[in-house]
N, C-alpha and C. Protein backbone atom coordinates (compact mmCIF):
# COMPACT_ATOMS: atom_id res chain seq x y z
N MET A 1 -8.56 -0.96 -13.70
CA MET A 1 -8.89 0.09 -14.55
C MET A 1 -10.32 0.33 -14.65
N ARG A 2 -11.21 -0.71 -14.36
CA ARG A 2 -12.63 -0.43 -14.17
C ARG A 2 -13.05 0.76 -13.38
N ASP A 3 -12.35 0.72 -12.05
CA ASP A 3 -12.47 1.98 -11.54
C ASP A 3 -12.07 3.07 -11.75
N VAL A 4 -11.06 3.36 -12.60
CA VAL A 4 -10.78 4.64 -13.29
C VAL A 4 -11.79 5.03 -14.22
N ALA A 5 -12.30 4.03 -15.06
CA ALA A 5 -13.38 4.43 -15.99
C ALA A 5 -14.66 4.94 -15.25
N GLU A 6 -14.97 4.22 -14.06
CA GLU A 6 -16.03 4.60 -13.31
C GLU A 6 -15.76 6.06 -12.70
N ILE A 7 -14.55 6.45 -12.12
CA ILE A 7 -14.29 7.70 -11.75
C ILE A 7 -14.39 8.84 -12.89
N LEU A 8 -14.01 8.48 -14.11
CA LEU A 8 -14.13 9.37 -15.27
C LEU A 8 -15.52 9.53 -15.73
N ASN A 9 -16.43 8.35 -15.66
CA ASN A 9 -17.69 8.49 -15.89
C ASN A 9 -18.66 9.41 -14.96
N HIS A 10 -18.18 9.31 -13.68
CA HIS A 10 -18.91 10.07 -12.65
C HIS A 10 -18.69 11.53 -12.98
N TRP A 11 -17.24 11.82 -13.11
CA TRP A 11 -16.89 13.19 -13.39
C TRP A 11 -17.56 13.77 -14.51
N GLN A 12 -17.74 13.15 -15.71
CA GLN A 12 -18.32 13.56 -16.90
C GLN A 12 -19.76 13.75 -16.62
N ALA A 13 -20.38 12.96 -15.61
CA ALA A 13 -21.67 13.28 -15.46
C ALA A 13 -22.00 14.35 -14.32
N GLY A 14 -20.96 15.04 -13.94
CA GLY A 14 -21.00 16.30 -13.23
C GLY A 14 -20.89 15.99 -11.74
N ARG A 15 -20.64 14.89 -11.25
CA ARG A 15 -20.51 14.67 -9.79
C ARG A 15 -19.17 15.34 -9.41
N SER A 16 -19.25 15.82 -8.20
CA SER A 16 -18.02 16.51 -7.41
C SER A 16 -17.12 15.48 -7.05
N ILE A 17 -15.76 15.94 -6.89
CA ILE A 17 -14.62 15.08 -6.51
C ILE A 17 -14.99 14.39 -5.07
N ARG A 18 -15.53 15.08 -4.21
CA ARG A 18 -16.01 14.70 -2.84
C ARG A 18 -16.89 13.55 -3.11
N ALA A 19 -18.02 13.81 -3.93
CA ALA A 19 -19.03 12.83 -4.15
C ALA A 19 -18.56 11.44 -4.78
N ILE A 20 -17.78 11.71 -5.73
CA ILE A 20 -16.98 10.49 -6.43
C ILE A 20 -16.18 9.82 -5.51
N SER A 21 -15.46 10.42 -4.40
CA SER A 21 -14.48 9.90 -3.43
C SER A 21 -15.36 8.98 -2.60
N HIS A 22 -16.54 9.71 -2.13
CA HIS A 22 -17.35 8.99 -1.14
C HIS A 22 -17.99 7.79 -1.59
N SER A 23 -18.59 7.71 -2.94
CA SER A 23 -19.25 6.53 -3.50
C SER A 23 -18.42 5.49 -4.07
N LEU A 24 -17.23 5.89 -4.50
CA LEU A 24 -16.34 4.77 -5.13
C LEU A 24 -15.16 4.43 -4.12
N GLY A 25 -14.95 5.27 -3.13
CA GLY A 25 -13.83 4.89 -2.06
C GLY A 25 -12.51 5.24 -2.57
N ALA A 26 -12.46 6.05 -3.59
CA ALA A 26 -11.05 6.54 -4.23
C ALA A 26 -10.65 7.77 -3.37
N SER A 27 -9.31 7.87 -3.30
CA SER A 27 -8.83 9.12 -2.69
C SER A 27 -9.05 10.33 -3.52
N ARG A 28 -9.25 11.54 -3.01
CA ARG A 28 -9.35 12.84 -3.89
C ARG A 28 -8.19 13.03 -4.62
N PRO A 29 -6.84 12.88 -4.19
CA PRO A 29 -5.81 13.24 -4.99
C PRO A 29 -5.77 12.28 -6.32
N THR A 30 -6.18 11.04 -5.99
CA THR A 30 -6.15 10.00 -7.15
C THR A 30 -7.18 10.37 -8.13
N ILE A 31 -8.30 10.65 -7.75
CA ILE A 31 -9.40 11.02 -8.56
C ILE A 31 -8.86 12.41 -9.35
N ARG A 32 -8.41 13.50 -8.65
CA ARG A 32 -7.73 14.55 -9.60
C ARG A 32 -6.75 14.16 -10.54
N LYS A 33 -5.89 13.22 -10.29
CA LYS A 33 -4.87 12.81 -11.12
C LYS A 33 -5.61 12.35 -12.43
N TYR A 34 -6.58 11.47 -12.25
CA TYR A 34 -7.16 10.92 -13.61
C TYR A 34 -8.05 11.91 -14.17
N ILE A 35 -8.72 12.81 -13.44
CA ILE A 35 -9.48 14.08 -14.16
C ILE A 35 -8.39 14.92 -14.87
N SER A 36 -7.30 15.13 -14.36
CA SER A 36 -6.30 15.97 -15.12
C SER A 36 -5.79 15.29 -16.29
N ILE A 37 -5.69 14.14 -16.19
CA ILE A 37 -5.12 13.22 -17.61
C ILE A 37 -6.33 13.59 -18.68
N ALA A 38 -7.49 13.40 -18.19
CA ALA A 38 -8.68 13.35 -19.23
C ALA A 38 -8.90 15.00 -19.63
N SER A 39 -8.68 15.76 -18.69
CA SER A 39 -8.83 17.20 -19.11
C SER A 39 -7.82 17.70 -20.05
N ALA A 40 -6.55 17.20 -19.86
CA ALA A 40 -5.54 17.62 -20.74
C ALA A 40 -5.80 17.14 -22.06
N HIS A 41 -6.44 16.18 -22.13
CA HIS A 41 -6.75 15.66 -23.65
C HIS A 41 -8.22 16.23 -24.18
N GLY A 42 -8.79 17.15 -23.61
CA GLY A 42 -9.95 17.85 -24.22
C GLY A 42 -11.19 17.20 -23.54
N PHE A 43 -11.24 16.48 -22.56
CA PHE A 43 -12.32 15.87 -22.10
C PHE A 43 -12.85 16.75 -21.21
N ARG A 44 -14.29 17.08 -21.08
CA ARG A 44 -14.86 18.04 -20.23
C ARG A 44 -16.21 17.35 -19.56
N VAL A 45 -16.46 18.04 -18.24
CA VAL A 45 -17.75 17.64 -17.69
C VAL A 45 -18.77 17.99 -18.60
N GLY A 46 -19.81 16.82 -18.93
CA GLY A 46 -20.92 17.02 -19.67
C GLY A 46 -20.60 16.43 -20.89
N GLY A 47 -19.53 16.13 -21.32
CA GLY A 47 -19.12 15.65 -22.64
C GLY A 47 -19.16 14.14 -22.58
N SER A 48 -18.77 13.66 -23.80
CA SER A 48 -19.00 12.15 -23.97
C SER A 48 -17.53 11.55 -23.78
N PRO A 49 -17.53 10.20 -23.29
CA PRO A 49 -16.32 9.41 -23.20
C PRO A 49 -15.65 9.27 -24.60
N PRO A 50 -14.42 8.86 -24.47
CA PRO A 50 -13.78 8.42 -25.84
C PRO A 50 -14.51 7.33 -26.47
N ALA A 51 -14.52 7.39 -27.78
CA ALA A 51 -15.13 6.33 -28.64
C ALA A 51 -14.62 4.80 -28.45
N GLU A 52 -13.24 4.94 -28.05
CA GLU A 52 -12.81 3.54 -27.69
C GLU A 52 -12.79 3.16 -26.27
N GLY A 53 -13.39 3.94 -25.43
CA GLY A 53 -13.51 3.67 -24.01
C GLY A 53 -12.49 4.28 -23.32
N TRP A 54 -12.71 4.36 -22.00
CA TRP A 54 -11.74 5.03 -21.14
C TRP A 54 -10.38 4.15 -21.00
N GLN A 55 -10.62 2.89 -20.90
CA GLN A 55 -9.45 1.92 -20.67
C GLN A 55 -8.32 2.18 -21.79
N ALA A 56 -8.84 2.02 -23.03
CA ALA A 56 -8.10 2.06 -24.16
C ALA A 56 -7.52 3.56 -24.21
N PHE A 57 -8.15 4.64 -24.01
CA PHE A 57 -7.75 5.86 -24.02
C PHE A 57 -6.56 6.14 -23.12
N LEU A 58 -6.81 5.62 -21.75
CA LEU A 58 -5.76 5.74 -20.83
C LEU A 58 -4.39 4.75 -21.19
N ARG A 59 -4.56 3.80 -21.76
CA ARG A 59 -3.58 2.87 -22.17
C ARG A 59 -2.64 3.71 -23.04
N ASP A 60 -3.08 4.69 -23.91
CA ASP A 60 -2.41 5.43 -24.66
C ASP A 60 -2.02 6.71 -24.06
N ALA A 61 -2.82 7.27 -23.29
CA ALA A 61 -2.39 8.50 -22.71
C ALA A 61 -1.58 8.51 -21.51
N ALA A 62 -1.78 7.50 -20.68
CA ALA A 62 -0.93 7.23 -19.59
C ALA A 62 -0.59 5.86 -19.36
N PRO A 63 0.41 5.45 -20.08
CA PRO A 63 0.84 4.13 -20.05
C PRO A 63 1.43 3.71 -18.69
N GLU A 64 1.87 4.53 -17.93
CA GLU A 64 2.53 4.11 -16.65
C GLU A 64 1.34 3.76 -15.57
N LEU A 65 0.13 3.91 -15.85
CA LEU A 65 -1.00 3.41 -15.10
C LEU A 65 -1.02 1.87 -15.37
N PHE A 66 -0.63 1.34 -16.43
CA PHE A 66 -0.91 0.08 -16.63
C PHE A 66 0.43 -0.80 -16.32
N ASN A 67 1.64 0.02 -16.47
CA ASN A 67 2.89 -0.52 -16.14
C ASN A 67 3.80 0.38 -15.36
N PRO A 68 3.63 0.51 -13.99
CA PRO A 68 4.19 1.48 -13.08
C PRO A 68 5.67 1.65 -13.31
N ALA A 69 6.30 0.53 -13.77
CA ALA A 69 7.79 0.71 -13.89
C ALA A 69 8.15 1.80 -14.98
N LEU A 70 7.23 2.11 -15.97
CA LEU A 70 7.50 3.04 -17.06
C LEU A 70 7.70 4.48 -16.30
N GLY A 71 6.81 4.75 -15.43
CA GLY A 71 6.90 6.00 -14.76
C GLY A 71 7.36 6.32 -13.58
N SER A 72 8.19 5.41 -13.19
CA SER A 72 8.78 5.38 -11.73
C SER A 72 10.25 5.38 -11.75
N ALA A 73 10.94 6.48 -11.24
CA ALA A 73 12.29 6.29 -11.21
C ALA A 73 12.74 5.42 -9.95
N ILE A 74 11.78 5.17 -8.99
CA ILE A 74 12.00 4.46 -7.77
C ILE A 74 12.09 2.88 -8.39
N PHE A 75 11.12 2.50 -9.23
CA PHE A 75 11.26 1.24 -9.75
C PHE A 75 12.36 1.02 -10.65
N ALA A 76 12.82 1.85 -11.35
CA ALA A 76 13.99 1.81 -11.99
C ALA A 76 15.27 1.66 -11.35
N GLU A 77 15.32 2.27 -10.14
CA GLU A 77 16.21 2.08 -9.23
C GLU A 77 16.32 0.72 -8.60
N LEU A 78 15.08 0.27 -8.23
CA LEU A 78 14.94 -1.07 -7.70
C LEU A 78 15.40 -1.99 -8.73
N CYS A 79 15.15 -1.92 -9.92
CA CYS A 79 15.53 -2.89 -11.16
C CYS A 79 16.84 -3.14 -11.06
N SER A 80 17.64 -2.09 -11.03
CA SER A 80 19.13 -2.00 -11.03
C SER A 80 19.72 -2.79 -9.89
N HIS A 81 18.95 -3.04 -8.88
CA HIS A 81 19.43 -3.85 -7.64
C HIS A 81 18.72 -5.11 -7.49
N GLN A 82 18.06 -5.62 -8.66
CA GLN A 82 17.21 -6.88 -8.61
C GLN A 82 17.95 -8.14 -8.18
N LYS A 83 19.19 -8.23 -8.66
CA LYS A 83 20.07 -9.38 -8.29
C LYS A 83 20.14 -9.59 -6.73
N LEU A 84 20.45 -8.43 -6.16
CA LEU A 84 20.68 -8.24 -4.75
C LEU A 84 19.41 -8.47 -3.89
N ILE A 85 18.39 -8.01 -4.43
CA ILE A 85 17.06 -8.09 -3.93
C ILE A 85 16.62 -9.60 -3.96
N LYS A 86 16.79 -10.27 -4.99
CA LYS A 86 16.54 -11.81 -5.09
C LYS A 86 17.33 -12.43 -4.21
N GLU A 87 18.61 -12.20 -3.94
CA GLU A 87 19.49 -12.96 -3.19
C GLU A 87 18.97 -12.77 -1.54
N SER A 88 18.53 -11.60 -1.34
CA SER A 88 18.01 -11.36 0.07
C SER A 88 16.79 -12.07 0.30
N LEU A 89 15.76 -12.08 -0.77
CA LEU A 89 14.32 -12.71 -0.46
C LEU A 89 14.62 -14.24 -0.63
N GLU A 90 15.81 -14.87 -0.98
CA GLU A 90 15.95 -16.19 -0.85
C GLU A 90 16.14 -16.65 0.62
N HIS A 91 16.52 -15.67 1.45
CA HIS A 91 16.80 -16.05 2.82
C HIS A 91 16.01 -15.45 3.80
N THR A 92 15.20 -14.51 3.41
CA THR A 92 14.45 -13.83 4.45
C THR A 92 13.08 -13.30 3.95
N ASN A 93 12.42 -12.48 4.66
CA ASN A 93 11.04 -12.06 4.05
C ASN A 93 11.23 -10.53 3.50
N VAL A 94 10.05 -10.02 3.00
CA VAL A 94 10.20 -8.92 2.26
C VAL A 94 10.58 -7.72 3.18
N MET A 95 10.05 -7.51 4.38
CA MET A 95 10.51 -6.48 5.32
C MET A 95 11.91 -6.47 5.71
N THR A 96 12.54 -7.72 5.96
CA THR A 96 13.80 -7.71 6.47
C THR A 96 14.70 -7.24 5.19
N SER A 97 14.35 -7.88 3.85
CA SER A 97 15.01 -7.46 2.72
C SER A 97 14.95 -5.96 2.50
N TRP A 98 13.95 -5.30 2.65
CA TRP A 98 13.91 -3.85 2.50
C TRP A 98 14.64 -3.09 3.44
N LEU A 99 14.73 -3.58 4.70
CA LEU A 99 15.63 -2.92 5.89
C LEU A 99 17.03 -3.22 5.50
N ARG A 100 17.42 -4.28 4.88
CA ARG A 100 18.78 -4.51 4.52
C ARG A 100 19.28 -3.52 3.31
N LEU A 101 18.33 -3.55 2.29
CA LEU A 101 18.54 -2.77 1.23
C LEU A 101 18.70 -1.34 1.62
N ARG A 102 17.96 -0.74 2.46
CA ARG A 102 18.21 0.49 3.02
C ARG A 102 19.48 0.92 3.48
N GLU A 103 20.17 -0.26 4.06
CA GLU A 103 21.42 0.16 4.65
C GLU A 103 22.54 0.54 3.70
N ASN A 104 22.29 0.20 2.38
CA ASN A 104 23.34 0.76 1.17
C ASN A 104 23.07 2.15 1.10
N PRO A 105 24.21 2.65 0.92
CA PRO A 105 23.98 4.23 0.79
C PRO A 105 23.52 4.64 -0.66
N GLY A 106 22.56 5.53 -0.58
CA GLY A 106 21.93 6.03 -1.82
C GLY A 106 20.62 5.41 -2.21
N ILE A 107 20.33 4.33 -1.45
CA ILE A 107 19.01 3.58 -1.92
C ILE A 107 18.04 3.77 -0.73
N LYS A 108 17.22 4.73 -0.95
CA LYS A 108 16.31 5.13 0.06
C LYS A 108 14.72 4.89 -0.58
N VAL A 109 14.10 3.95 -0.43
CA VAL A 109 12.74 3.79 -0.97
C VAL A 109 11.89 3.35 0.26
N SER A 110 10.71 3.87 0.07
CA SER A 110 9.56 3.43 1.18
C SER A 110 9.32 1.81 1.11
N TYR A 111 8.86 1.25 2.19
CA TYR A 111 8.46 0.06 2.23
C TYR A 111 7.20 -0.24 1.29
N SER A 112 6.33 0.59 1.30
CA SER A 112 5.15 0.38 0.27
C SER A 112 5.70 0.36 -1.19
N SER A 113 6.58 1.18 -1.47
CA SER A 113 7.18 1.20 -2.96
C SER A 113 7.87 -0.11 -3.22
N PHE A 114 8.78 -0.56 -2.24
CA PHE A 114 9.55 -1.82 -2.14
C PHE A 114 8.61 -2.88 -2.37
N TYR A 115 7.45 -3.09 -1.65
CA TYR A 115 6.38 -3.99 -1.69
C TYR A 115 5.66 -4.06 -3.11
N ARG A 116 5.31 -3.04 -3.61
CA ARG A 116 4.78 -2.99 -4.88
C ARG A 116 5.69 -3.36 -5.89
N TYR A 117 7.02 -3.16 -5.75
CA TYR A 117 7.83 -3.52 -6.63
C TYR A 117 8.07 -5.15 -6.73
N ILE A 118 8.10 -5.53 -5.39
CA ILE A 118 8.24 -7.18 -5.35
C ILE A 118 6.84 -7.69 -5.77
N LYS A 119 5.78 -7.17 -5.53
CA LYS A 119 4.48 -7.75 -6.05
C LYS A 119 4.23 -7.63 -7.57
N GLY A 120 4.97 -6.67 -8.25
CA GLY A 120 4.77 -6.40 -9.53
C GLY A 120 6.01 -7.21 -10.42
N HIS A 121 7.06 -7.39 -9.85
CA HIS A 121 8.34 -7.92 -10.54
C HIS A 121 8.81 -9.23 -10.15
N LEU A 122 8.56 -9.42 -8.76
CA LEU A 122 9.04 -10.75 -8.17
C LEU A 122 7.83 -11.43 -7.31
N PRO A 123 6.70 -11.70 -7.92
CA PRO A 123 5.70 -12.02 -6.93
C PRO A 123 5.79 -13.42 -6.39
N GLU A 124 6.75 -14.26 -7.12
CA GLU A 124 7.04 -15.49 -6.39
C GLU A 124 7.62 -15.61 -5.11
N TYR A 125 8.23 -14.47 -4.71
CA TYR A 125 8.82 -14.30 -3.42
C TYR A 125 7.74 -13.88 -2.25
N LEU A 126 6.69 -13.56 -2.76
CA LEU A 126 5.48 -13.18 -1.93
C LEU A 126 4.88 -14.47 -1.33
N GLU A 127 4.88 -15.54 -2.12
CA GLU A 127 4.21 -16.76 -1.83
C GLU A 127 5.05 -17.67 -0.90
N HIS A 128 6.12 -17.36 -0.43
CA HIS A 128 6.98 -18.09 0.48
C HIS A 128 6.21 -18.17 1.98
N THR A 129 6.47 -19.33 2.53
CA THR A 129 5.90 -19.54 3.83
C THR A 129 6.66 -18.67 4.82
N ALA A 130 6.14 -18.25 5.88
CA ALA A 130 6.70 -17.58 7.00
C ALA A 130 7.97 -18.20 7.53
N ILE A 131 8.87 -17.50 7.75
CA ILE A 131 10.24 -18.14 8.22
C ILE A 131 10.15 -18.03 9.79
N THR A 132 10.14 -19.05 10.55
CA THR A 132 10.17 -19.14 11.81
C THR A 132 11.57 -19.73 12.52
N ILE A 133 11.98 -18.96 13.31
CA ILE A 133 13.35 -19.24 13.86
C ILE A 133 13.09 -19.70 15.46
N ARG A 134 13.21 -20.82 15.80
CA ARG A 134 13.05 -21.19 17.24
C ARG A 134 14.51 -20.87 17.92
N ARG A 135 14.17 -20.52 19.15
CA ARG A 135 15.43 -20.38 20.02
C ARG A 135 14.91 -20.94 21.33
N GLU A 136 16.07 -21.37 22.21
CA GLU A 136 15.88 -22.01 23.34
C GLU A 136 15.08 -21.03 24.44
N ASP A 137 14.51 -21.58 25.20
CA ASP A 137 13.67 -20.78 26.28
C ASP A 137 14.78 -20.28 27.19
N PRO A 138 14.73 -18.90 27.73
CA PRO A 138 15.68 -18.56 28.60
C PRO A 138 15.52 -19.25 29.97
N PRO A 139 16.41 -19.35 30.94
CA PRO A 139 16.13 -19.76 32.25
C PRO A 139 15.00 -18.95 32.87
N PRO A 140 14.37 -19.53 33.92
CA PRO A 140 13.13 -18.77 34.51
C PRO A 140 13.82 -17.53 35.29
N GLY A 141 13.16 -16.36 35.02
CA GLY A 141 13.59 -15.21 35.62
C GLY A 141 14.41 -14.27 34.76
N GLU A 142 14.97 -14.84 33.67
CA GLU A 142 15.68 -14.01 32.77
C GLU A 142 15.11 -13.13 31.94
N GLU A 143 14.02 -13.42 31.51
CA GLU A 143 13.16 -12.54 30.50
C GLU A 143 11.94 -12.35 30.86
N ALA A 144 11.37 -11.21 30.37
CA ALA A 144 9.80 -10.82 30.58
C ALA A 144 9.41 -10.40 29.11
N GLN A 145 8.35 -10.69 28.58
CA GLN A 145 7.69 -10.15 27.39
C GLN A 145 6.56 -9.13 27.84
N ILE A 146 6.79 -7.98 27.21
CA ILE A 146 5.76 -6.91 27.55
C ILE A 146 5.00 -6.39 26.48
N ASP A 147 3.60 -6.30 26.83
CA ASP A 147 2.78 -5.66 25.65
C ASP A 147 1.82 -4.68 26.22
N TYR A 148 1.50 -3.54 25.53
CA TYR A 148 0.66 -2.49 26.12
C TYR A 148 -0.23 -2.27 24.94
N ALA A 149 -1.55 -2.16 25.03
CA ALA A 149 -2.43 -1.93 23.91
C ALA A 149 -3.82 -1.34 24.49
N TYR A 150 -4.42 -0.70 23.35
CA TYR A 150 -5.70 -0.14 23.54
C TYR A 150 -6.73 -1.24 23.19
N LEU A 151 -7.78 -1.46 24.21
CA LEU A 151 -8.62 -2.54 23.95
C LEU A 151 -9.96 -2.12 23.47
N GLY A 152 -10.22 -0.85 23.63
CA GLY A 152 -11.62 -0.31 23.07
C GLY A 152 -12.34 0.43 24.37
N LEU A 153 -13.62 0.71 23.97
CA LEU A 153 -14.45 1.49 24.86
C LEU A 153 -15.14 0.65 25.91
N TRP A 154 -15.28 0.96 27.18
CA TRP A 154 -15.91 0.34 28.16
C TRP A 154 -17.07 1.25 28.72
N GLN A 155 -18.34 0.71 28.67
CA GLN A 155 -19.35 1.60 29.40
C GLN A 155 -19.48 1.34 30.96
N ASP A 156 -19.41 2.38 31.82
CA ASP A 156 -19.60 2.19 32.97
C ASP A 156 -20.97 1.88 33.29
N PRO A 157 -21.33 0.72 33.89
CA PRO A 157 -22.79 0.53 34.12
C PRO A 157 -23.40 1.45 35.11
N LEU A 158 -22.68 2.01 35.95
CA LEU A 158 -23.39 2.92 36.92
C LEU A 158 -23.62 4.27 36.33
N THR A 159 -22.53 4.88 35.70
CA THR A 159 -22.78 6.23 35.22
C THR A 159 -23.20 6.24 33.69
N GLY A 160 -22.98 5.18 32.97
CA GLY A 160 -23.31 5.13 31.63
C GLY A 160 -22.08 5.79 30.57
N LYS A 161 -21.19 6.50 31.38
CA LYS A 161 -20.14 7.13 30.70
C LYS A 161 -19.14 6.15 30.04
N LYS A 162 -18.75 6.40 28.96
CA LYS A 162 -17.69 5.44 28.20
C LYS A 162 -16.31 5.81 28.55
N HIS A 163 -15.33 4.93 28.84
CA HIS A 163 -14.08 5.06 29.07
C HIS A 163 -13.16 4.17 28.23
N ARG A 164 -11.92 4.66 27.83
CA ARG A 164 -10.97 3.82 27.14
C ARG A 164 -10.34 2.93 28.03
N ILE A 165 -10.22 1.71 27.53
CA ILE A 165 -9.62 0.79 28.25
C ILE A 165 -8.15 0.40 27.58
N TRP A 166 -7.24 0.40 28.53
CA TRP A 166 -5.79 0.18 28.00
C TRP A 166 -5.23 -1.05 28.84
N VAL A 167 -4.48 -1.95 28.31
CA VAL A 167 -4.11 -3.05 29.05
C VAL A 167 -2.47 -3.14 29.05
N PHE A 168 -1.94 -3.62 30.07
CA PHE A 168 -0.51 -3.75 30.24
C PHE A 168 -0.30 -5.25 30.54
N VAL A 169 0.20 -5.99 29.62
CA VAL A 169 0.65 -7.43 30.02
C VAL A 169 1.96 -7.72 30.05
N ILE A 170 2.34 -8.38 31.17
CA ILE A 170 3.84 -8.92 31.38
C ILE A 170 3.79 -10.48 31.51
N VAL A 171 4.65 -11.00 30.60
CA VAL A 171 4.65 -12.66 30.68
C VAL A 171 6.12 -13.06 31.07
N LEU A 172 6.38 -13.67 32.27
CA LEU A 172 7.64 -13.95 32.62
C LEU A 172 7.90 -15.28 31.87
N SER A 173 9.15 -15.48 31.64
CA SER A 173 9.70 -16.71 31.12
C SER A 173 9.40 -17.90 32.13
N PRO A 174 9.11 -19.12 31.51
CA PRO A 174 8.83 -20.39 32.42
C PRO A 174 9.87 -20.70 33.30
């Protein structure tokens, strides 16, 4: 919430949305959202902040900022499936639980929303250690693991020109 207060203080001081975004690292749509809340309640550029402070003002004016479940239909939908989510998280990780939940008809939420829900409502499941499943190595020649990636720029010592370097790696089973 301190960041929101800083955003609104910068705005009231007359700084542009772009300047606020650059100095505080907040996205412009986020800054506009907070400015619209303040503007809707009569605050203007060059004016003074609320007597009780921005945090207390926002707690009354926009309670969903403090408790996202209040303003989110997605969180409400996930709350109705909390038992299923808990059962899934007992045996697997967050990503796999989300993928399994999306198999149910009518439940379509993004992974980031699902993760925020878990972080806010079921944080104990984020502390689980990683699940590792060992399997037998395949016989020699039965499997190959392939990876392709961008490594970065390389400067040619003769021409001084920079080139993108890509790598292709294939590892055969032992």
